[in-house]
Amino acid sequence: MPENPSPSNTQAGSDPHFSPVVSRLASEFSDVHHSGTVSRCVDAARHGAQDVTGRATPDLVERIARQHLQVLALAFAEQR
């Protein structure tokens, strides 16, 4: 895991609507990304969805965050 494992000060993990999203994605990407990275990615996806569509449903945020985490995983794999 090449990322900084430092604790994250994100909102997603403490928001009851988005904490299940963080949990699912953290489990799915546990072999690639630290949970803090997942939380920050979910926060970024939530803010991006809100800016673009005016709303951020958990399903939409999860899809966006998953795509971002997959791209990050590919980038890390190419660096090896």
N, C-alpha and C. Protein backbone atom coordinates (compact mmCIF):
# COMPACT_ATOMS: atom_id res chain seq x y z
N MET A 1 0.84 -1.17 0.00
CA MET A 1 0.00 0.00 0.00
C MET A 1 0.89 1.25 0.00
N PRO A 2 0.97 1.93 -1.08
CA PRO A 2 1.89 3.04 -1.18
C PRO A 2 1.40 4.34 -0.60
N GLU A 3 0.18 4.41 -0.17
CA GLU A 3 -0.36 5.68 0.31
C GLU A 3 -0.03 5.92 1.77
N ASN A 4 -0.22 7.16 2.16
CA ASN A 4 -0.01 7.55 3.54
C ASN A 4 -1.16 7.02 4.39
N PRO A 5 -0.85 6.18 5.39
CA PRO A 5 -1.92 5.60 6.21
C PRO A 5 -2.40 6.52 7.32
N SER A 6 -2.04 7.78 7.28
CA SER A 6 -2.42 8.69 8.36
C SER A 6 -3.93 8.78 8.49
N PRO A 7 -4.40 9.04 9.70
CA PRO A 7 -5.84 9.13 9.91
C PRO A 7 -6.44 10.25 9.08
N SER A 8 -7.65 10.03 8.70
CA SER A 8 -8.29 11.00 7.83
C SER A 8 -9.32 11.81 8.62
N ASN A 9 -9.46 13.04 8.26
CA ASN A 9 -10.46 13.92 8.88
C ASN A 9 -11.60 14.14 7.89
N THR A 10 -12.20 13.07 7.45
CA THR A 10 -13.23 13.18 6.44
C THR A 10 -14.61 13.12 7.06
N GLN A 11 -15.56 13.58 6.30
CA GLN A 11 -16.95 13.59 6.76
C GLN A 11 -17.68 12.30 6.40
N ALA A 12 -17.25 11.63 5.34
CA ALA A 12 -17.97 10.47 4.83
C ALA A 12 -18.11 9.36 5.87
N GLY A 13 -17.04 9.07 6.58
CA GLY A 13 -17.09 7.98 7.55
C GLY A 13 -18.04 8.23 8.70
N SER A 14 -18.27 9.48 9.04
CA SER A 14 -19.16 9.78 10.16
C SER A 14 -20.60 10.10 9.74
N ASP A 15 -20.83 10.24 8.44
CA ASP A 15 -22.18 10.52 7.92
C ASP A 15 -22.93 9.19 7.79
N PRO A 16 -24.08 9.04 8.44
CA PRO A 16 -24.80 7.76 8.39
C PRO A 16 -25.23 7.36 6.99
N HIS A 17 -25.36 8.31 6.08
CA HIS A 17 -25.73 7.97 4.71
C HIS A 17 -24.54 7.41 3.93
N PHE A 18 -23.34 7.85 4.26
CA PHE A 18 -22.17 7.49 3.48
C PHE A 18 -21.22 6.53 4.18
N SER A 19 -21.38 6.30 5.47
CA SER A 19 -20.49 5.37 6.16
C SER A 19 -20.59 3.94 5.60
N PRO A 20 -21.78 3.46 5.18
CA PRO A 20 -21.80 2.13 4.55
C PRO A 20 -21.03 2.11 3.23
N VAL A 21 -21.04 3.22 2.50
CA VAL A 21 -20.29 3.31 1.25
C VAL A 21 -18.79 3.19 1.56
N VAL A 22 -18.33 3.93 2.56
CA VAL A 22 -16.92 3.87 2.95
C VAL A 22 -16.57 2.45 3.38
N SER A 23 -17.42 1.81 4.15
CA SER A 23 -17.16 0.45 4.62
C SER A 23 -17.05 -0.54 3.47
N ARG A 24 -18.00 -0.47 2.54
CA ARG A 24 -17.97 -1.39 1.39
C ARG A 24 -16.71 -1.19 0.55
N LEU A 25 -16.40 0.06 0.25
CA LEU A 25 -15.24 0.34 -0.60
C LEU A 25 -13.93 0.04 0.13
N ALA A 26 -13.87 0.31 1.42
CA ALA A 26 -12.66 0.00 2.19
C ALA A 26 -12.41 -1.51 2.18
N SER A 27 -13.47 -2.28 2.30
CA SER A 27 -13.33 -3.74 2.24
C SER A 27 -12.92 -4.19 0.84
N GLU A 28 -13.56 -3.63 -0.16
CA GLU A 28 -13.28 -4.01 -1.55
C GLU A 28 -11.84 -3.69 -1.95
N PHE A 29 -11.31 -2.57 -1.47
CA PHE A 29 -9.99 -2.12 -1.87
C PHE A 29 -8.95 -2.26 -0.76
N SER A 30 -9.21 -3.11 0.22
CA SER A 30 -8.33 -3.22 1.38
C SER A 30 -6.91 -3.66 1.02
N ASP A 31 -6.76 -4.39 -0.06
CA ASP A 31 -5.43 -4.85 -0.44
C ASP A 31 -4.66 -3.79 -1.25
N VAL A 32 -5.32 -2.67 -1.57
CA VAL A 32 -4.70 -1.63 -2.40
C VAL A 32 -4.62 -0.29 -1.70
N HIS A 33 -5.71 0.11 -1.04
CA HIS A 33 -5.80 1.45 -0.47
C HIS A 33 -6.08 1.40 1.03
N HIS A 34 -5.49 2.34 1.75
CA HIS A 34 -5.79 2.51 3.17
C HIS A 34 -7.21 3.06 3.31
N SER A 35 -7.82 2.83 4.45
CA SER A 35 -9.19 3.29 4.67
C SER A 35 -9.28 4.82 4.62
N GLY A 36 -8.24 5.52 5.02
CA GLY A 36 -8.24 6.98 4.93
C GLY A 36 -8.33 7.47 3.50
N THR A 37 -7.66 6.76 2.60
CA THR A 37 -7.73 7.11 1.18
C THR A 37 -9.14 6.90 0.66
N VAL A 38 -9.75 5.80 1.07
CA VAL A 38 -11.12 5.51 0.64
C VAL A 38 -12.07 6.60 1.15
N SER A 39 -11.94 6.98 2.41
CA SER A 39 -12.80 8.02 2.98
C SER A 39 -12.64 9.35 2.24
N ARG A 40 -11.39 9.72 1.95
CA ARG A 40 -11.17 10.97 1.22
C ARG A 40 -11.74 10.89 -0.19
N CYS A 41 -11.64 9.74 -0.81
CA CYS A 41 -12.19 9.57 -2.16
C CYS A 41 -13.72 9.66 -2.14
N VAL A 42 -14.35 9.09 -1.14
CA VAL A 42 -15.80 9.17 -1.02
C VAL A 42 -16.21 10.63 -0.78
N ASP A 43 -15.48 11.34 0.06
CA ASP A 43 -15.77 12.76 0.28
C ASP A 43 -15.66 13.55 -1.02
N ALA A 44 -14.59 13.30 -1.78
CA ALA A 44 -14.39 14.02 -3.05
C ALA A 44 -15.51 13.68 -4.03
N ALA A 45 -15.90 12.42 -4.08
CA ALA A 45 -16.98 12.01 -4.98
C ALA A 45 -18.30 12.66 -4.58
N ARG A 46 -18.52 12.74 -3.27
CA ARG A 46 -19.76 13.37 -2.79
C ARG A 46 -19.81 14.85 -3.15
N HIS A 47 -18.71 15.54 -2.93
CA HIS A 47 -18.67 16.97 -3.27
C HIS A 47 -18.77 17.18 -4.77
N GLY A 48 -18.12 16.33 -5.55
CA GLY A 48 -18.19 16.44 -7.00
C GLY A 48 -19.61 16.20 -7.52
N ALA A 49 -20.26 15.18 -7.00
CA ALA A 49 -21.64 14.89 -7.41
C ALA A 49 -22.56 16.05 -7.05
N GLN A 50 -22.36 16.60 -5.86
CA GLN A 50 -23.18 17.74 -5.42
C GLN A 50 -22.97 18.94 -6.34
N ASP A 51 -21.72 19.20 -6.71
CA ASP A 51 -21.41 20.34 -7.58
C ASP A 51 -22.00 20.16 -8.98
N VAL A 52 -21.91 18.95 -9.51
CA VAL A 52 -22.32 18.71 -10.90
C VAL A 52 -23.83 18.50 -11.03
N THR A 53 -24.42 17.70 -10.14
CA THR A 53 -25.83 17.35 -10.30
C THR A 53 -26.76 18.05 -9.32
N GLY A 54 -26.17 18.66 -8.29
CA GLY A 54 -27.00 19.32 -7.28
C GLY A 54 -27.45 18.39 -6.19
N ARG A 55 -27.07 17.11 -6.26
CA ARG A 55 -27.39 16.16 -5.21
C ARG A 55 -26.34 15.06 -5.21
N ALA A 56 -26.24 14.38 -4.11
CA ALA A 56 -25.24 13.32 -3.97
C ALA A 56 -25.86 12.13 -3.25
N THR A 57 -26.44 11.23 -4.01
CA THR A 57 -27.01 10.04 -3.41
C THR A 57 -25.90 9.05 -3.09
N PRO A 58 -26.09 8.21 -2.09
CA PRO A 58 -25.06 7.22 -1.77
C PRO A 58 -24.69 6.32 -2.96
N ASP A 59 -25.68 5.93 -3.76
CA ASP A 59 -25.39 5.07 -4.92
C ASP A 59 -24.49 5.77 -5.93
N LEU A 60 -24.80 7.01 -6.23
CA LEU A 60 -23.99 7.77 -7.19
C LEU A 60 -22.58 8.00 -6.64
N VAL A 61 -22.49 8.37 -5.39
CA VAL A 61 -21.19 8.62 -4.77
C VAL A 61 -20.36 7.34 -4.76
N GLU A 62 -20.98 6.22 -4.46
CA GLU A 62 -20.24 4.95 -4.45
C GLU A 62 -19.70 4.61 -5.83
N ARG A 63 -20.51 4.81 -6.87
CA ARG A 63 -20.04 4.52 -8.24
C ARG A 63 -18.87 5.40 -8.62
N ILE A 64 -18.97 6.69 -8.31
CA ILE A 64 -17.88 7.63 -8.65
C ILE A 64 -16.62 7.28 -7.87
N ALA A 65 -16.76 7.06 -6.57
CA ALA A 65 -15.60 6.76 -5.74
C ALA A 65 -14.95 5.45 -6.17
N ARG A 66 -15.74 4.44 -6.50
CA ARG A 66 -15.19 3.16 -6.96
C ARG A 66 -14.36 3.36 -8.22
N GLN A 67 -14.86 4.13 -9.16
CA GLN A 67 -14.11 4.38 -10.40
C GLN A 67 -12.79 5.08 -10.09
N HIS A 68 -12.81 6.06 -9.20
CA HIS A 68 -11.58 6.77 -8.84
C HIS A 68 -10.58 5.82 -8.16
N LEU A 69 -11.08 4.98 -7.27
CA LEU A 69 -10.19 4.05 -6.58
C LEU A 69 -9.61 3.02 -7.54
N GLN A 70 -10.38 2.61 -8.54
CA GLN A 70 -9.86 1.68 -9.54
C GLN A 70 -8.75 2.33 -10.36
N VAL A 71 -8.94 3.58 -10.73
CA VAL A 71 -7.92 4.30 -11.49
C VAL A 71 -6.65 4.45 -10.66
N LEU A 72 -6.81 4.81 -9.39
CA LEU A 72 -5.64 4.91 -8.51
C LEU A 72 -4.92 3.57 -8.39
N ALA A 73 -5.66 2.49 -8.28
CA ALA A 73 -5.05 1.17 -8.17
C ALA A 73 -4.26 0.84 -9.43
N LEU A 74 -4.81 1.18 -10.58
CA LEU A 74 -4.08 0.94 -11.84
C LEU A 74 -2.81 1.76 -11.92
N ALA A 75 -2.89 2.99 -11.49
CA ALA A 75 -1.72 3.88 -11.50
C ALA A 75 -0.63 3.32 -10.58
N PHE A 76 -1.00 2.83 -9.41
CA PHE A 76 -0.02 2.26 -8.48
C PHE A 76 0.60 0.99 -9.08
N ALA A 77 -0.23 0.17 -9.74
CA ALA A 77 0.27 -1.06 -10.33
C ALA A 77 1.27 -0.77 -11.46
N GLU A 78 1.05 0.28 -12.20
CA GLU A 78 1.95 0.63 -13.29
C GLU A 78 3.29 1.16 -12.80
N GLN A 79 3.32 1.68 -11.57
CA GLN A 79 4.56 2.21 -11.02
C GLN A 79 5.52 1.11 -10.57
N ARG A 80 5.02 -0.07 -10.42
CA ARG A 80 5.86 -1.19 -9.92
C ARG A 80 6.69 -1.78 -11.00
